[in-house]
Amino acid sequence: MTDASTANSNRTKLPLAALIALSCSTFLSVTIEMLPTGLMHYMAPDLGVTEAQIGYLMTMYAACVVVTSTPLTHWLRKVPRHVLLIGVMVVFGIGSLGTALAPNYPLIVASRLVAGVAHGVFWASVAGYTSLIVPKDQLAKGISITLGGGSTAFVLGVPLGTFLGQMLGWRMAFAVVVALGFLVAAILWKLLPRVDHLSDEFHTSPIEVVAAPTGPGAIEQEFSPKRRRFVVRPKSMPAVALVSTLTGITMFSQYAFYSYVSPFATGVIQIPETYLAVALFSYGLLSAVATGASGFLFGQRTKLGIVTNLGLCVVVGAIMLWLAPGLPIFGLAALAVWGMAMGFLPPLLQSSILMVAPSKFRDLSTAIYSSAFNIGIGGGALVGGLMLTHLGIMSLPTFFLSGMGIALVVAVAAGRMLEAGRERVAEGAA
């Protein structure tokens, strides 16, 4: 029996040990990405640069992900997925070691670009690998567990890294990340199932491919355990582009505002500085809980989950713009709702990509999704900074409200387009 058939025969329940190991890897990935924001006050004077230059490390990191993730994913497409993920963890460790030892800012930039290359390949592969080891009817649950580590990094990873920087220095904080990177690589080697992602068993069984009546791409017919029948799903690269565009708009709006939430919270909402950490911790905690719960609440209702939580973000933007200034109780409530909504959205968007991606191009599709996600992070932070400098801090919730409103419209329109495509395909296959 092949590795692929063995994996398929075992895919009747969630492989929790492997999913938890993957969750540890997403935790480490996000911690490495966001750590400079928490150590900014220590890195800047030690390296003789401004805090803004440390902030630009985030933009350069994201830009590296955007440029390299798709070509590298294509180039490494034949590498076994578990080997690729383990190798990426090792590269994360090497990049973080370079940051810990770099004597000057240019070498810091170089080391962060190394980590950025690993980040792009990691996020282009981890969701696709998850889809190979979990039952199809529990895909959203598997994705929510895998991505839960990323949300937990906002709650624990970055604050703990900041604490280590305070106690031991910022270089030691990165050194601890190096040790964690190699530890997680060892855990993945021990726990990840070996699957042949190139096997036809993962692409054609139990999937029947029928001709597409309209547009490029594949139309795949899959067995739905919930409905107890085969359902026809339109899958094409244009659908991937549509969901990726929605993801980019959402994350661009998010990070244009969230990157500067601390000065907004203390200066506009007037949350006392001593309570700022608690307020941001509540955001991160609810975000992590929502990520873990997304598969259970919206596992079979992905479109409803996306539209609902984008609507909540629009409400948050309105509260921040008109009710929260000078009224901490409204601001704290909005932060809590914001954290919850943004906890739900990434796993739901990731699940949507896997649902519309042609099976033969799953990793390429997730690479495109990862690029859109990181364009949102880097571009949003950059534009948000420019708006803060030239238009004032109240331009940020205005931009967030407008951007999330546009994302909501795109999500509704995309849902209707995909439903219409499904109906046309069903008629053609009948």
Protein backbone atom coordinates (compact mmCIF):
# COMPACT_ATOMS: atom_id res chain seq x y z
CA MET A 1 0.00 0.00 0.00
CA THR A 2 1.36 3.42 -0.93
CA ASP A 3 1.88 6.28 1.50
CA ALA A 4 -0.98 8.12 -0.16
CA SER A 5 -3.46 5.23 0.17
CA THR A 6 -2.42 4.69 3.77
CA ALA A 7 -3.02 8.36 4.50
CA ASN A 8 -6.40 8.23 2.75
CA SER A 9 -7.46 5.17 4.72
CA ASN A 10 -6.69 6.97 7.96
CA ARG A 11 -8.47 10.20 7.03
CA THR A 12 -11.66 9.44 8.95
CA LYS A 13 -10.85 11.59 11.98
CA LEU A 14 -8.77 14.65 12.72
CA PRO A 15 -5.05 13.87 13.19
CA LEU A 16 -4.82 16.08 16.27
CA ALA A 17 -1.15 15.47 17.07
CA ALA A 18 -0.07 16.53 13.58
CA LEU A 19 -2.43 19.52 13.56
CA ILE A 20 -1.13 20.71 16.94
CA ALA A 21 2.43 20.39 15.63
CA LEU A 22 1.44 22.49 12.61
CA SER A 23 -0.20 24.99 14.97
CA CYS A 24 3.15 25.30 16.77
CA SER A 25 4.79 26.07 13.44
CA THR A 26 2.27 28.82 12.59
CA PHE A 27 2.78 30.23 16.10
CA LEU A 28 6.51 30.47 15.48
CA SER A 29 6.07 31.91 11.98
CA VAL A 30 3.85 34.80 13.13
CA THR A 31 6.02 35.42 16.19
CA ILE A 32 9.09 35.81 13.97
CA GLU A 33 7.21 38.10 11.59
CA MET A 34 5.83 40.42 14.28
CA LEU A 35 8.64 40.36 16.87
CA PRO A 36 10.40 43.57 15.69
CA THR A 37 7.26 45.59 16.51
CA GLY A 38 7.53 44.60 20.17
CA LEU A 39 11.32 45.10 20.31
CA MET A 40 11.38 48.34 18.34
CA HIS A 41 12.35 50.55 21.31
CA TYR A 42 15.37 48.35 22.03
CA MET A 43 16.60 47.59 18.52
CA ALA A 44 16.56 51.16 17.18
CA PRO A 45 19.02 52.80 19.64
CA ASP A 46 21.30 49.76 19.69
CA LEU A 47 21.56 49.77 15.88
CA GLY A 48 21.69 53.57 15.59
CA VAL A 49 18.54 53.85 13.45
CA THR A 50 15.09 55.35 13.91
CA GLU A 51 12.07 53.43 15.12
CA ALA A 52 10.50 53.98 11.71
CA GLN A 53 13.40 52.08 10.12
CA ILE A 54 12.70 49.14 12.43
CA GLY A 55 9.06 49.40 11.39
CA TYR A 56 10.10 49.21 7.74
CA LEU A 57 11.46 45.72 8.46
CA MET A 58 7.81 44.60 8.46
CA THR A 59 7.20 46.10 5.02
CA MET A 60 10.39 44.60 3.55
CA TYR A 61 9.57 41.23 5.11
CA ALA A 62 6.09 41.26 3.55
CA ALA A 63 7.47 42.41 0.19
CA CYS A 64 9.91 39.49 0.20
CA VAL A 65 7.01 37.10 0.81
CA VAL A 66 5.04 38.58 -2.08
CA VAL A 67 7.94 38.41 -4.55
CA THR A 68 9.24 34.93 -3.68
CA SER A 69 6.32 32.80 -2.47
CA THR A 70 4.73 31.93 -5.82
CA PRO A 71 7.90 31.17 -7.87
CA LEU A 72 9.51 29.26 -5.01
CA THR A 73 6.35 27.26 -4.38
CA HIS A 74 6.27 26.31 -8.07
CA TRP A 75 9.98 25.45 -8.06
CA LEU A 76 9.63 23.29 -4.92
CA ARG A 77 6.33 21.71 -5.99
CA LYS A 78 7.77 18.16 -6.15
CA VAL A 79 9.37 18.25 -2.70
CA PRO A 80 7.40 16.14 -0.17
CA ARG A 81 5.27 18.50 1.90
CA HIS A 82 6.47 17.32 5.31
CA VAL A 83 10.09 17.70 4.20
CA LEU A 84 9.38 21.18 2.87
CA LEU A 85 7.74 22.33 6.12
CA ILE A 86 10.59 20.95 8.21
CA GLY A 87 13.13 22.66 5.97
CA VAL A 88 11.27 25.95 6.25
CA MET A 89 11.46 25.77 10.06
CA VAL A 90 15.23 25.31 9.80
CA VAL A 91 15.50 28.37 7.51
CA PHE A 92 13.40 30.35 10.01
CA GLY A 93 15.96 29.43 12.65
CA ILE A 94 18.89 30.43 10.44
CA GLY A 95 17.29 33.78 9.58
CA SER A 96 16.55 34.53 13.23
CA LEU A 97 20.11 33.57 14.19
CA GLY A 98 21.36 36.10 11.64
CA THR A 99 19.15 38.77 13.23
CA ALA A 100 20.43 37.92 16.71
CA LEU A 101 24.08 38.18 15.62
CA ALA A 102 23.93 40.97 13.00
CA PRO A 103 26.12 43.94 14.05
CA ASN A 104 24.38 46.54 11.89
CA TYR A 105 21.10 47.47 10.24
CA PRO A 106 21.91 46.28 6.66
CA LEU A 107 22.69 42.79 7.95
CA ILE A 108 19.50 42.86 10.02
CA VAL A 109 17.61 43.59 6.79
CA ALA A 110 19.38 40.70 5.03
CA SER A 111 18.56 38.26 7.82
CA ARG A 112 14.92 39.33 7.84
CA LEU A 113 14.73 38.78 4.07
CA VAL A 114 15.96 35.20 4.61
CA ALA A 115 13.16 34.67 7.12
CA GLY A 116 10.73 36.32 4.69
CA VAL A 117 11.61 33.78 1.98
CA ALA A 118 10.85 30.97 4.43
CA HIS A 119 7.62 32.68 5.49
CA GLY A 120 6.27 32.81 1.93
CA VAL A 121 6.97 29.13 1.23
CA PHE A 122 5.58 28.13 4.63
CA TRP A 123 2.21 29.84 4.23
CA ALA A 124 1.91 28.65 0.63
CA SER A 125 2.31 25.05 1.80
CA VAL A 126 0.90 24.63 5.30
CA ALA A 127 -2.80 24.89 4.43
CA GLY A 128 -2.43 22.64 1.39
CA TYR A 129 -0.66 20.03 3.51
CA THR A 130 -3.40 20.29 6.12
CA SER A 131 -5.97 19.54 3.42
CA LEU A 132 -4.10 16.32 2.60
CA ILE A 133 -4.23 14.88 6.11
CA VAL A 134 -7.75 15.77 7.28
CA PRO A 135 -11.14 14.43 6.13
CA LYS A 136 -12.74 16.63 3.49
CA ASP A 137 -15.82 17.27 5.63
CA GLN A 138 -13.59 18.52 8.49
CA LEU A 139 -11.32 20.76 6.41
CA ALA A 140 -12.44 23.99 8.10
CA LYS A 141 -11.82 22.46 11.54
CA GLY A 142 -8.36 21.29 10.53
CA ILE A 143 -7.49 24.69 9.08
CA SER A 144 -8.75 26.49 12.20
CA ILE A 145 -6.52 24.32 14.43
CA THR A 146 -3.49 24.81 12.19
CA LEU A 147 -3.96 28.58 11.99
CA GLY A 148 -4.82 28.85 15.69
CA GLY A 149 -1.10 29.02 16.46
CA GLY A 150 -0.83 32.20 14.40
CA SER A 151 -3.53 33.93 16.43
CA THR A 152 -2.00 32.66 19.65
CA ALA A 153 1.25 34.34 18.63
CA PHE A 154 -0.49 37.72 18.90
CA VAL A 155 -1.62 36.77 22.43
CA LEU A 156 1.54 35.11 23.75
CA GLY A 157 4.37 35.02 21.21
CA VAL A 158 4.94 38.73 20.66
CA PRO A 159 4.28 39.75 24.31
CA LEU A 160 6.64 37.03 25.58
CA GLY A 161 9.26 38.07 23.02
CA THR A 162 8.90 41.67 24.19
CA PHE A 163 9.26 40.55 27.80
CA LEU A 164 12.44 38.63 26.95
CA GLY A 165 13.76 41.72 25.23
CA GLN A 166 13.14 43.75 28.38
CA MET A 167 14.78 41.18 30.63
CA LEU A 168 17.64 39.82 28.51
CA GLY A 169 17.99 42.16 25.54
CA TRP A 170 16.50 41.99 22.06
CA ARG A 171 19.26 39.77 20.69
CA MET A 172 18.50 37.09 23.27
CA ALA A 173 14.82 37.28 22.35
CA PHE A 174 15.74 36.34 18.78
CA ALA A 175 18.13 33.67 20.09
CA VAL A 176 15.23 32.02 21.93
CA VAL A 177 13.29 32.04 18.64
CA VAL A 178 16.23 30.24 17.00
CA ALA A 179 16.05 27.46 19.58
CA LEU A 180 12.27 27.22 19.14
CA GLY A 181 12.65 27.01 15.37
CA PHE A 182 14.89 23.95 15.57
CA LEU A 183 12.69 22.40 18.27
CA VAL A 184 9.56 22.79 16.14
CA ALA A 185 11.42 21.29 13.16
CA ALA A 186 12.18 18.21 15.27
CA ILE A 187 8.54 17.97 16.39
CA LEU A 188 7.33 18.17 12.79
CA TRP A 189 9.78 15.45 11.76
CA LYS A 190 8.39 13.19 14.46
CA LEU A 191 4.65 13.86 14.07
CA LEU A 192 3.82 14.83 10.49
CA PRO A 193 2.34 12.05 8.32
CA ARG A 194 4.32 11.22 5.19
CA VAL A 195 2.03 11.79 2.22
CA ASP A 196 2.65 11.80 -1.51
CA HIS A 197 1.01 15.08 -2.50
CA LEU A 198 1.62 14.33 -6.21
CA SER A 199 -0.35 11.09 -6.15
CA ASP A 200 -3.50 11.00 -8.27
CA GLU A 201 -5.29 9.59 -5.24
CA PHE A 202 -5.32 13.08 -3.73
CA HIS A 203 -6.68 14.64 -6.89
CA THR A 204 -9.05 12.17 -8.52
CA SER A 205 -10.47 10.00 -5.75
CA PRO A 206 -13.28 10.44 -4.83
CA ILE A 207 -13.46 13.36 -7.29
CA GLU A 208 -15.00 13.23 -10.73
CA VAL A 209 -13.90 15.94 -13.16
CA VAL A 210 -16.44 17.11 -15.76
CA ALA A 211 -16.13 19.67 -18.53
CA ALA A 212 -16.47 23.31 -17.58
CA PRO A 213 -19.28 24.99 -19.55
CA THR A 214 -17.94 28.49 -19.00
CA GLY A 215 -14.56 30.06 -18.44
CA PRO A 216 -11.14 28.51 -17.75
CA GLY A 217 -10.47 26.08 -14.94
CA ALA A 218 -11.78 22.78 -13.61
CA ILE A 219 -15.21 21.83 -12.38
CA GLU A 220 -14.93 19.15 -9.73
CA GLN A 221 -17.63 16.93 -8.35
CA GLU A 222 -16.99 15.86 -4.75
CA PHE A 223 -18.85 13.64 -2.32
CA SER A 224 -20.34 15.67 0.54
CA PRO A 225 -20.69 13.54 3.72
CA LYS A 226 -23.08 16.12 5.18
CA ARG A 227 -25.44 16.06 2.16
CA ARG A 228 -24.74 12.35 1.45
CA ARG A 229 -24.42 12.98 -2.26
CA PHE A 230 -22.01 14.35 -4.83
CA VAL A 231 -22.00 18.13 -5.16
CA VAL A 232 -20.60 20.07 -8.11
CA ARG A 233 -18.14 22.82 -7.20
CA PRO A 234 -16.72 25.34 -9.69
CA LYS A 235 -12.94 25.40 -9.20
CA SER A 236 -10.73 27.66 -11.26
CA MET A 237 -7.82 30.04 -11.02
CA PRO A 238 -10.16 33.04 -11.67
CA ALA A 239 -12.06 31.99 -8.53
CA VAL A 240 -8.72 31.84 -6.67
CA ALA A 241 -7.92 35.36 -7.91
CA LEU A 242 -11.32 36.58 -6.71
CA VAL A 243 -10.89 35.19 -3.18
CA SER A 244 -7.28 36.44 -3.08
CA THR A 245 -8.44 39.93 -4.07
CA LEU A 246 -10.98 39.85 -1.25
CA THR A 247 -8.21 38.75 1.12
CA GLY A 248 -5.91 41.56 -0.02
CA ILE A 249 -8.58 44.24 0.46
CA THR A 250 -9.44 42.89 3.91
CA MET A 251 -5.85 42.71 5.17
CA PHE A 252 -4.88 46.05 3.61
CA SER A 253 -7.72 47.75 5.49
CA GLN A 254 -6.90 45.85 8.67
CA TYR A 255 -3.20 46.66 8.88
CA ALA A 256 -3.56 50.28 7.79
CA PHE A 257 -5.39 50.78 11.09
CA TYR A 258 -4.20 48.01 13.41
CA SER A 259 -0.51 48.79 12.87
CA TYR A 260 -1.14 52.10 14.68
CA VAL A 261 -3.82 50.98 17.13
CA SER A 262 -1.67 51.82 20.18
CA PRO A 263 -1.48 55.60 19.60
CA PHE A 264 -5.16 55.56 18.60
CA ALA A 265 -6.12 53.72 21.79
CA THR A 266 -4.21 56.04 24.11
CA GLY A 267 -4.64 59.31 22.23
CA VAL A 268 -8.17 59.08 20.80
CA ILE A 269 -10.04 56.49 22.86
CA GLN A 270 -8.09 57.74 25.90
CA ILE A 271 -7.39 54.33 27.36
CA PRO A 272 -4.82 54.88 30.15
CA GLU A 273 -1.39 53.70 29.10
CA THR A 274 -1.24 51.34 32.05
CA TYR A 275 -4.27 49.48 30.66
CA LEU A 276 -3.18 49.44 27.03
CA ALA A 277 -1.50 46.03 27.32
CA VAL A 278 -4.65 44.57 28.85
CA ALA A 279 -6.81 46.03 26.06
CA LEU A 280 -4.55 44.63 23.34
CA PHE A 281 -4.32 41.30 25.17
CA SER A 282 -8.13 41.07 25.12
CA TYR A 283 -8.04 41.72 21.35
CA GLY A 284 -5.52 38.94 20.85
CA LEU A 285 -7.24 36.51 23.21
CA LEU A 286 -10.62 36.84 21.49
CA SER A 287 -8.88 36.60 18.12
CA ALA A 288 -7.25 33.31 19.14
CA VAL A 289 -10.52 31.91 20.51
CA ALA A 290 -12.36 32.87 17.32
CA THR A 291 -9.71 31.25 15.12
CA GLY A 292 -10.00 28.02 17.06
CA ALA A 293 -13.79 28.13 16.91
CA SER A 294 -14.15 29.12 13.24
CA GLY A 295 -14.24 25.58 11.93
CA PHE A 296 -16.84 24.53 14.47
CA LEU A 297 -19.13 27.54 13.98
CA PHE A 298 -18.70 28.15 10.25
CA GLY A 299 -17.25 24.86 9.00
CA GLN A 300 -20.15 24.25 6.60
CA ARG A 301 -21.10 27.94 6.21
CA THR A 302 -17.90 29.61 5.05
CA LYS A 303 -19.59 32.33 2.99
CA LEU A 304 -21.89 33.24 5.88
CA GLY A 305 -18.90 33.43 8.23
CA ILE A 306 -16.94 35.76 5.91
CA VAL A 307 -19.88 38.10 5.29
CA THR A 308 -20.86 38.18 8.99
CA ASN A 309 -17.39 39.04 10.24
CA LEU A 310 -16.70 41.61 7.54
CA GLY A 311 -19.99 43.20 8.63
CA LEU A 312 -18.73 43.24 12.22
CA CYS A 313 -15.55 45.00 11.03
CA VAL A 314 -17.68 47.68 9.38
CA VAL A 315 -19.50 48.14 12.70
CA VAL A 316 -16.13 48.38 14.49
CA GLY A 317 -14.97 51.06 12.07
CA ALA A 318 -18.13 53.09 12.67
CA ILE A 319 -17.75 52.82 16.47
CA MET A 320 -14.08 53.81 16.33
CA LEU A 321 -14.89 56.79 14.13
CA TRP A 322 -17.98 58.19 15.86
CA LEU A 323 -18.47 56.67 19.33
CA ALA A 324 -15.10 55.62 20.74
CA PRO A 325 -13.22 58.98 20.80
CA GLY A 326 -12.98 60.00 24.43
CA LEU A 327 -15.20 57.10 25.57
CA PRO A 328 -13.03 54.12 26.61
CA ILE A 329 -16.01 51.81 27.23
CA PHE A 330 -17.02 51.97 23.55
CA GLY A 331 -13.41 51.67 22.46
CA LEU A 332 -12.80 48.58 24.60
CA ALA A 333 -15.98 46.94 23.32
CA ALA A 334 -15.00 47.71 19.73
CA LEU A 335 -11.51 46.26 20.27
CA ALA A 336 -13.04 43.04 21.60
CA VAL A 337 -15.41 42.68 18.63
CA TRP A 338 -12.59 43.60 16.26
CA GLY A 339 -10.32 40.88 17.67
CA MET A 340 -13.10 38.30 17.38
CA ALA A 341 -13.96 39.20 13.78
CA MET A 342 -10.32 39.20 12.66
CA GLY A 343 -9.82 35.84 14.38
CA PHE A 344 -12.56 34.28 12.29
CA LEU A 345 -11.62 35.77 8.92
CA PRO A 346 -8.16 34.30 8.09
CA PRO A 347 -9.13 30.61 8.47
CA LEU A 348 -12.39 31.21 6.62
CA LEU A 349 -10.59 32.93 3.75
CA GLN A 350 -7.96 30.19 3.71
CA SER A 351 -10.68 27.52 3.60
CA SER A 352 -12.34 29.40 0.73
CA ILE A 353 -9.12 29.25 -1.29
CA LEU A 354 -8.89 25.50 -0.79
CA MET A 355 -12.53 25.11 -1.80
CA VAL A 356 -12.18 26.99 -5.10
CA ALA A 357 -8.61 25.96 -6.02
CA PRO A 358 -8.23 23.30 -8.72
CA SER A 359 -6.76 20.23 -7.01
CA LYS A 360 -3.68 20.14 -9.23
CA PHE A 361 -2.88 23.76 -8.36
CA ARG A 362 -3.62 23.78 -4.63
CA ASP A 363 -0.14 24.91 -3.52
CA LEU A 364 0.08 27.53 -6.28
CA SER A 365 -3.32 28.85 -5.22
CA THR A 366 -2.28 29.12 -1.58
CA ALA A 367 0.91 30.89 -2.71
CA ILE A 368 -1.22 33.48 -4.53
CA TYR A 369 -3.40 33.79 -1.42
CA SER A 370 -0.30 34.22 0.77
CA SER A 371 1.00 36.96 -1.55
CA ALA A 372 -2.33 38.81 -1.35
CA PHE A 373 -2.33 38.46 2.43
CA ASN A 374 1.18 39.87 2.75
CA ILE A 375 0.55 42.68 0.26
CA GLY A 376 -2.22 43.63 2.66
CA ILE A 377 0.09 43.54 5.68
CA GLY A 378 3.01 45.43 4.17
CA GLY A 379 1.01 47.80 2.01
CA GLY A 380 -1.52 48.53 4.74
CA ALA A 381 1.18 49.35 7.29
CA LEU A 382 2.96 51.61 4.79
CA VAL A 383 -0.17 53.48 3.67
CA GLY A 384 -1.42 53.74 7.25
CA GLY A 385 1.86 55.38 8.27
CA LEU A 386 1.67 57.87 5.44
CA MET A 387 -1.94 58.71 6.30
CA LEU A 388 -1.04 59.11 9.96
CA THR A 389 1.75 61.54 9.05
CA HIS A 390 -0.10 63.63 6.47
CA LEU A 391 -3.82 63.29 7.27
CA GLY A 392 -3.94 62.70 11.00
CA ILE A 393 -4.92 59.76 13.15
CA MET A 394 -8.68 59.97 12.50
CA SER A 395 -8.03 59.12 8.85
CA LEU A 396 -7.20 55.56 9.96
CA PRO A 397 -10.67 54.45 11.17
CA THR A 398 -12.17 56.22 8.16
CA PHE A 399 -9.96 54.19 5.83
CA PHE A 400 -10.67 51.00 7.78
CA LEU A 401 -14.45 51.54 7.62
CA SER A 402 -14.33 52.24 3.88
CA GLY A 403 -12.03 49.32 3.11
CA MET A 404 -14.05 46.80 5.07
CA GLY A 405 -17.22 48.08 3.43
CA ILE A 406 -15.68 47.44 0.01
CA ALA A 407 -14.54 43.97 1.14
CA LEU A 408 -18.09 43.20 2.31
CA VAL A 409 -19.52 44.15 -1.09
CA VAL A 410 -16.88 42.03 -2.87
CA ALA A 411 -17.62 39.06 -0.58
CA VAL A 412 -21.36 39.21 -1.27
CA ALA A 413 -20.80 39.58 -5.01
CA ALA A 414 -18.25 36.76 -5.07
CA GLY A 415 -20.63 34.46 -3.19
CA ARG A 416 -23.39 35.12 -5.70
CA MET A 417 -21.06 34.58 -8.66
CA LEU A 418 -19.83 31.24 -7.30
CA GLU A 419 -23.38 30.12 -6.50
CA ALA A 420 -24.47 31.02 -10.04
CA GLY A 421 -21.50 29.13 -11.46
CA ARG A 422 -22.39 26.09 -9.34
CA GLU A 423 -25.97 26.15 -10.61
CA ARG A 424 -24.83 26.39 -14.26
CA VAL A 425 -22.40 23.53 -13.78
CA ALA A 426 -25.03 21.38 -12.10
CA GLU A 427 -27.36 21.94 -15.05
CA GLY A 428 -24.60 21.07 -17.50
CA ALA A 429 -23.66 17.90 -15.61
CA ALA A 430 -27.27 16.73 -15.24
